[in-house]
Amino acid sequence: MFNEELEEVCPKVAKCPIFQAGTLLNEQTGETYKAVYCQSERHKQCKRYLASKKCNCAIPVQVLPNAYISVDEIVKRINSGFYDIFNKK
């Protein structure tokens, strides 16, 4: 759709779990991610955003916008339960 192509802000930024308190190393890191990825056209390159579109599931907080692994590998790890060990309470 034409409007989607003009979208300059990530539609998921308001609820993105990496911005919850205690998730990132510091607040400045979060603000940098927001400026570089979330509040620009570059959100379409964010590994979290791309993985969520591919697997239609919650993306673990351990996956950062600039993850070094591919989106396919992220989805594979999510489906295999790789991230579950980090999210147990």
N, C-alpha and C. Protein backbone atom coordinates (compact mmCIF):
# COMPACT_ATOMS: atom_id res chain seq x y z
N MET A 1 0.83 -1.18 0.00
CA MET A 1 0.00 0.00 0.00
C MET A 1 0.88 1.25 0.00
N PHE A 2 0.44 2.28 -0.64
CA PHE A 2 1.23 3.50 -0.80
C PHE A 2 1.59 4.13 0.54
N ASN A 3 0.66 4.22 1.47
CA ASN A 3 0.92 4.82 2.78
C ASN A 3 2.02 4.10 3.54
N GLU A 4 2.08 2.78 3.39
CA GLU A 4 3.10 2.01 4.08
C GLU A 4 4.50 2.40 3.60
N GLU A 5 4.64 2.71 2.32
CA GLU A 5 5.93 3.09 1.78
C GLU A 5 6.37 4.46 2.30
N LEU A 6 5.44 5.31 2.65
CA LEU A 6 5.76 6.63 3.16
C LEU A 6 5.98 6.64 4.67
N GLU A 7 5.74 5.53 5.30
CA GLU A 7 5.86 5.42 6.74
C GLU A 7 7.30 5.66 7.18
N GLU A 8 7.52 6.69 7.99
CA GLU A 8 8.87 7.04 8.41
C GLU A 8 9.16 6.65 9.85
N VAL A 9 8.16 6.20 10.57
CA VAL A 9 8.33 5.80 11.96
C VAL A 9 7.86 4.35 12.09
N CYS A 10 8.59 3.58 12.84
CA CYS A 10 8.22 2.19 13.03
C CYS A 10 6.86 2.09 13.72
N PRO A 11 5.95 1.31 13.18
CA PRO A 11 4.64 1.17 13.80
C PRO A 11 4.68 0.40 15.13
N LYS A 12 5.81 -0.21 15.43
CA LYS A 12 5.93 -1.01 16.65
C LYS A 12 6.69 -0.30 17.77
N VAL A 13 7.17 0.90 17.53
CA VAL A 13 8.04 1.57 18.50
C VAL A 13 7.36 1.80 19.85
N ALA A 14 6.10 2.10 19.87
CA ALA A 14 5.42 2.40 21.13
C ALA A 14 5.39 1.20 22.08
N LYS A 15 5.37 0.00 21.53
CA LYS A 15 5.28 -1.19 22.37
C LYS A 15 6.52 -2.07 22.30
N CYS A 16 7.58 -1.59 21.69
CA CYS A 16 8.79 -2.40 21.54
C CYS A 16 9.39 -2.70 22.91
N PRO A 17 9.56 -3.97 23.24
CA PRO A 17 10.03 -4.33 24.58
C PRO A 17 11.48 -3.97 24.87
N ILE A 18 12.27 -3.65 23.85
CA ILE A 18 13.66 -3.30 24.18
C ILE A 18 13.77 -1.95 24.86
N PHE A 19 12.69 -1.19 24.86
CA PHE A 19 12.72 0.11 25.52
C PHE A 19 12.13 0.07 26.93
N GLN A 20 11.81 -1.10 27.43
CA GLN A 20 11.35 -1.23 28.81
C GLN A 20 12.54 -1.05 29.74
N ALA A 21 12.30 -0.50 30.88
CA ALA A 21 13.37 -0.25 31.85
C ALA A 21 14.15 -1.54 32.15
N GLY A 22 15.46 -1.42 32.14
CA GLY A 22 16.31 -2.55 32.49
C GLY A 22 16.65 -3.48 31.34
N THR A 23 16.10 -3.24 30.17
CA THR A 23 16.36 -4.13 29.04
C THR A 23 17.70 -3.83 28.40
N LEU A 24 17.97 -2.59 28.09
CA LEU A 24 19.22 -2.20 27.46
C LEU A 24 20.24 -1.80 28.51
N LEU A 25 21.48 -1.73 28.09
CA LEU A 25 22.55 -1.38 29.03
C LEU A 25 22.37 -0.01 29.64
N ASN A 26 21.89 0.94 28.84
CA ASN A 26 21.64 2.27 29.38
C ASN A 26 20.62 3.00 28.50
N GLU A 27 20.08 4.07 29.04
CA GLU A 27 19.04 4.83 28.36
C GLU A 27 19.56 5.46 27.06
N GLN A 28 20.81 5.87 27.06
CA GLN A 28 21.40 6.49 25.87
C GLN A 28 21.42 5.51 24.70
N THR A 29 21.68 4.24 24.96
CA THR A 29 21.65 3.22 23.92
C THR A 29 20.26 3.15 23.31
N GLY A 30 19.25 3.16 24.15
CA GLY A 30 17.87 3.12 23.66
C GLY A 30 17.53 4.32 22.82
N GLU A 31 17.96 5.49 23.25
CA GLU A 31 17.68 6.71 22.49
C GLU A 31 18.40 6.68 21.13
N THR A 32 19.58 6.10 21.11
CA THR A 32 20.31 5.97 19.84
C THR A 32 19.58 5.03 18.90
N TYR A 33 19.14 3.87 19.39
CA TYR A 33 18.36 2.95 18.56
C TYR A 33 17.10 3.63 18.02
N LYS A 34 16.42 4.36 18.88
CA LYS A 34 15.20 5.04 18.44
C LYS A 34 15.49 6.03 17.32
N ALA A 35 16.54 6.82 17.50
CA ALA A 35 16.88 7.83 16.49
C ALA A 35 17.31 7.20 15.17
N VAL A 36 18.13 6.16 15.26
CA VAL A 36 18.68 5.56 14.05
C VAL A 36 17.68 4.66 13.33
N TYR A 37 16.93 3.88 14.08
CA TYR A 37 16.02 2.91 13.47
C TYR A 37 14.55 3.30 13.58
N CYS A 38 14.08 3.46 14.78
CA CYS A 38 12.64 3.56 15.03
C CYS A 38 11.97 4.80 14.46
N GLN A 39 12.67 5.90 14.48
CA GLN A 39 12.07 7.17 14.07
C GLN A 39 12.54 7.60 12.68
N SER A 40 12.81 6.63 11.84
CA SER A 40 13.25 6.93 10.48
C SER A 40 12.82 5.80 9.55
N GLU A 41 13.04 6.02 8.27
CA GLU A 41 12.77 4.98 7.28
C GLU A 41 13.61 3.74 7.54
N ARG A 42 14.67 3.90 8.28
CA ARG A 42 15.58 2.78 8.54
C ARG A 42 14.94 1.69 9.39
N HIS A 43 13.76 1.95 9.97
CA HIS A 43 13.09 0.90 10.73
C HIS A 43 12.83 -0.31 9.85
N LYS A 44 12.78 -0.10 8.55
CA LYS A 44 12.56 -1.21 7.61
C LYS A 44 13.79 -2.10 7.49
N GLN A 45 14.90 -1.70 8.10
CA GLN A 45 16.11 -2.52 8.14
C GLN A 45 16.33 -3.14 9.53
N CYS A 46 15.48 -2.77 10.48
CA CYS A 46 15.60 -3.28 11.85
C CYS A 46 15.33 -4.78 11.87
N LYS A 47 16.26 -5.53 12.44
CA LYS A 47 16.11 -6.99 12.49
C LYS A 47 14.89 -7.40 13.32
N ARG A 48 14.56 -6.64 14.35
CA ARG A 48 13.37 -6.95 15.15
C ARG A 48 12.11 -6.80 14.31
N TYR A 49 12.03 -5.69 13.60
CA TYR A 49 10.87 -5.40 12.75
C TYR A 49 10.73 -6.45 11.65
N LEU A 50 11.83 -6.75 10.98
CA LEU A 50 11.79 -7.72 9.88
C LEU A 50 11.45 -9.12 10.37
N ALA A 51 12.00 -9.50 11.51
CA ALA A 51 11.70 -10.82 12.07
C ALA A 51 10.23 -10.92 12.48
N SER A 52 9.69 -9.85 13.04
CA SER A 52 8.28 -9.88 13.47
C SER A 52 7.34 -10.01 12.27
N LYS A 53 7.72 -9.43 11.15
CA LYS A 53 6.90 -9.55 9.95
C LYS A 53 6.97 -10.97 9.38
N LYS A 54 8.12 -11.61 9.57
CA LYS A 54 8.32 -12.94 9.00
C LYS A 54 7.70 -14.05 9.85
N CYS A 55 7.76 -13.91 11.16
CA CYS A 55 7.25 -15.00 12.01
C CYS A 55 5.97 -14.63 12.75
N ASN A 56 5.55 -13.37 12.69
CA ASN A 56 4.31 -12.94 13.32
C ASN A 56 4.22 -13.42 14.77
N CYS A 57 5.30 -13.19 15.51
CA CYS A 57 5.34 -13.58 16.92
C CYS A 57 6.12 -12.53 17.70
N ALA A 58 6.12 -12.68 19.00
CA ALA A 58 6.88 -11.75 19.85
C ALA A 58 8.37 -12.00 19.62
N ILE A 59 9.11 -10.92 19.46
CA ILE A 59 10.55 -11.02 19.25
C ILE A 59 11.24 -10.82 20.60
N PRO A 60 12.10 -11.75 20.99
CA PRO A 60 12.78 -11.64 22.28
C PRO A 60 13.59 -10.35 22.40
N VAL A 61 13.69 -9.82 23.60
CA VAL A 61 14.41 -8.58 23.82
C VAL A 61 15.89 -8.72 23.48
N GLN A 62 16.40 -9.92 23.44
CA GLN A 62 17.81 -10.13 23.12
C GLN A 62 18.14 -9.81 21.66
N VAL A 63 17.12 -9.72 20.82
CA VAL A 63 17.33 -9.39 19.41
C VAL A 63 17.31 -7.87 19.28
N LEU A 64 18.42 -7.32 18.87
CA LEU A 64 18.55 -5.88 18.73
C LEU A 64 18.34 -5.46 17.28
N PRO A 65 18.03 -4.19 17.05
CA PRO A 65 17.77 -3.72 15.69
C PRO A 65 18.91 -4.01 14.71
N ASN A 66 20.13 -3.98 15.21
CA ASN A 66 21.29 -4.19 14.35
C ASN A 66 21.95 -5.55 14.58
N ALA A 67 21.16 -6.55 14.91
CA ALA A 67 21.69 -7.89 15.15
C ALA A 67 22.58 -8.33 14.00
N TYR A 68 23.64 -9.03 14.33
CA TYR A 68 24.58 -9.46 13.30
C TYR A 68 24.11 -10.70 12.54
N ILE A 69 23.14 -11.42 13.07
CA ILE A 69 22.64 -12.61 12.38
C ILE A 69 21.49 -12.23 11.45
N SER A 70 21.22 -13.10 10.51
CA SER A 70 20.17 -12.82 9.53
C SER A 70 18.78 -12.95 10.16
N VAL A 71 17.82 -12.39 9.49
CA VAL A 71 16.43 -12.49 9.94
C VAL A 71 16.00 -13.95 9.95
N ASP A 72 16.39 -14.70 8.93
CA ASP A 72 16.05 -16.13 8.90
C ASP A 72 16.62 -16.87 10.10
N GLU A 73 17.85 -16.53 10.50
CA GLU A 73 18.46 -17.17 11.66
C GLU A 73 17.73 -16.76 12.93
N ILE A 74 17.32 -15.52 13.04
CA ILE A 74 16.55 -15.08 14.21
C ILE A 74 15.27 -15.88 14.32
N VAL A 75 14.54 -16.00 13.22
CA VAL A 75 13.27 -16.75 13.22
C VAL A 75 13.53 -18.21 13.56
N LYS A 76 14.58 -18.77 13.01
CA LYS A 76 14.94 -20.17 13.30
C LYS A 76 15.20 -20.36 14.80
N ARG A 77 15.94 -19.41 15.37
CA ARG A 77 16.24 -19.49 16.81
C ARG A 77 14.98 -19.33 17.65
N ILE A 78 14.09 -18.44 17.26
CA ILE A 78 12.83 -18.27 18.00
C ILE A 78 12.04 -19.56 17.95
N ASN A 79 11.89 -20.13 16.77
CA ASN A 79 11.10 -21.35 16.61
C ASN A 79 11.71 -22.55 17.31
N SER A 80 13.03 -22.55 17.48
CA SER A 80 13.69 -23.69 18.14
C SER A 80 13.69 -23.55 19.67
N GLY A 81 13.29 -22.38 20.17
CA GLY A 81 13.28 -22.15 21.61
C GLY A 81 14.62 -21.65 22.14
N PHE A 82 15.52 -21.27 21.25
CA PHE A 82 16.85 -20.80 21.63
C PHE A 82 16.79 -19.68 22.68
N TYR A 83 15.88 -18.75 22.52
CA TYR A 83 15.81 -17.59 23.42
C TYR A 83 15.06 -17.89 24.71
N ASP A 84 14.38 -19.03 24.79
CA ASP A 84 13.58 -19.36 25.96
C ASP A 84 14.41 -19.37 27.26
N ILE A 85 15.62 -19.81 27.19
CA ILE A 85 16.46 -19.88 28.38
C ILE A 85 16.68 -18.51 29.01
N PHE A 86 16.69 -17.47 28.17
CA PHE A 86 16.90 -16.11 28.67
C PHE A 86 15.64 -15.52 29.29
N ASN A 87 14.49 -16.06 28.94
CA ASN A 87 13.23 -15.45 29.34
C ASN A 87 12.49 -16.23 30.43
N LYS A 88 13.15 -17.19 31.05
CA LYS A 88 12.50 -17.94 32.14
C LYS A 88 12.57 -17.12 33.41
N LYS A 89 11.52 -17.24 34.20
CA LYS A 89 11.48 -16.50 35.46
C LYS A 89 11.55 -17.43 36.62
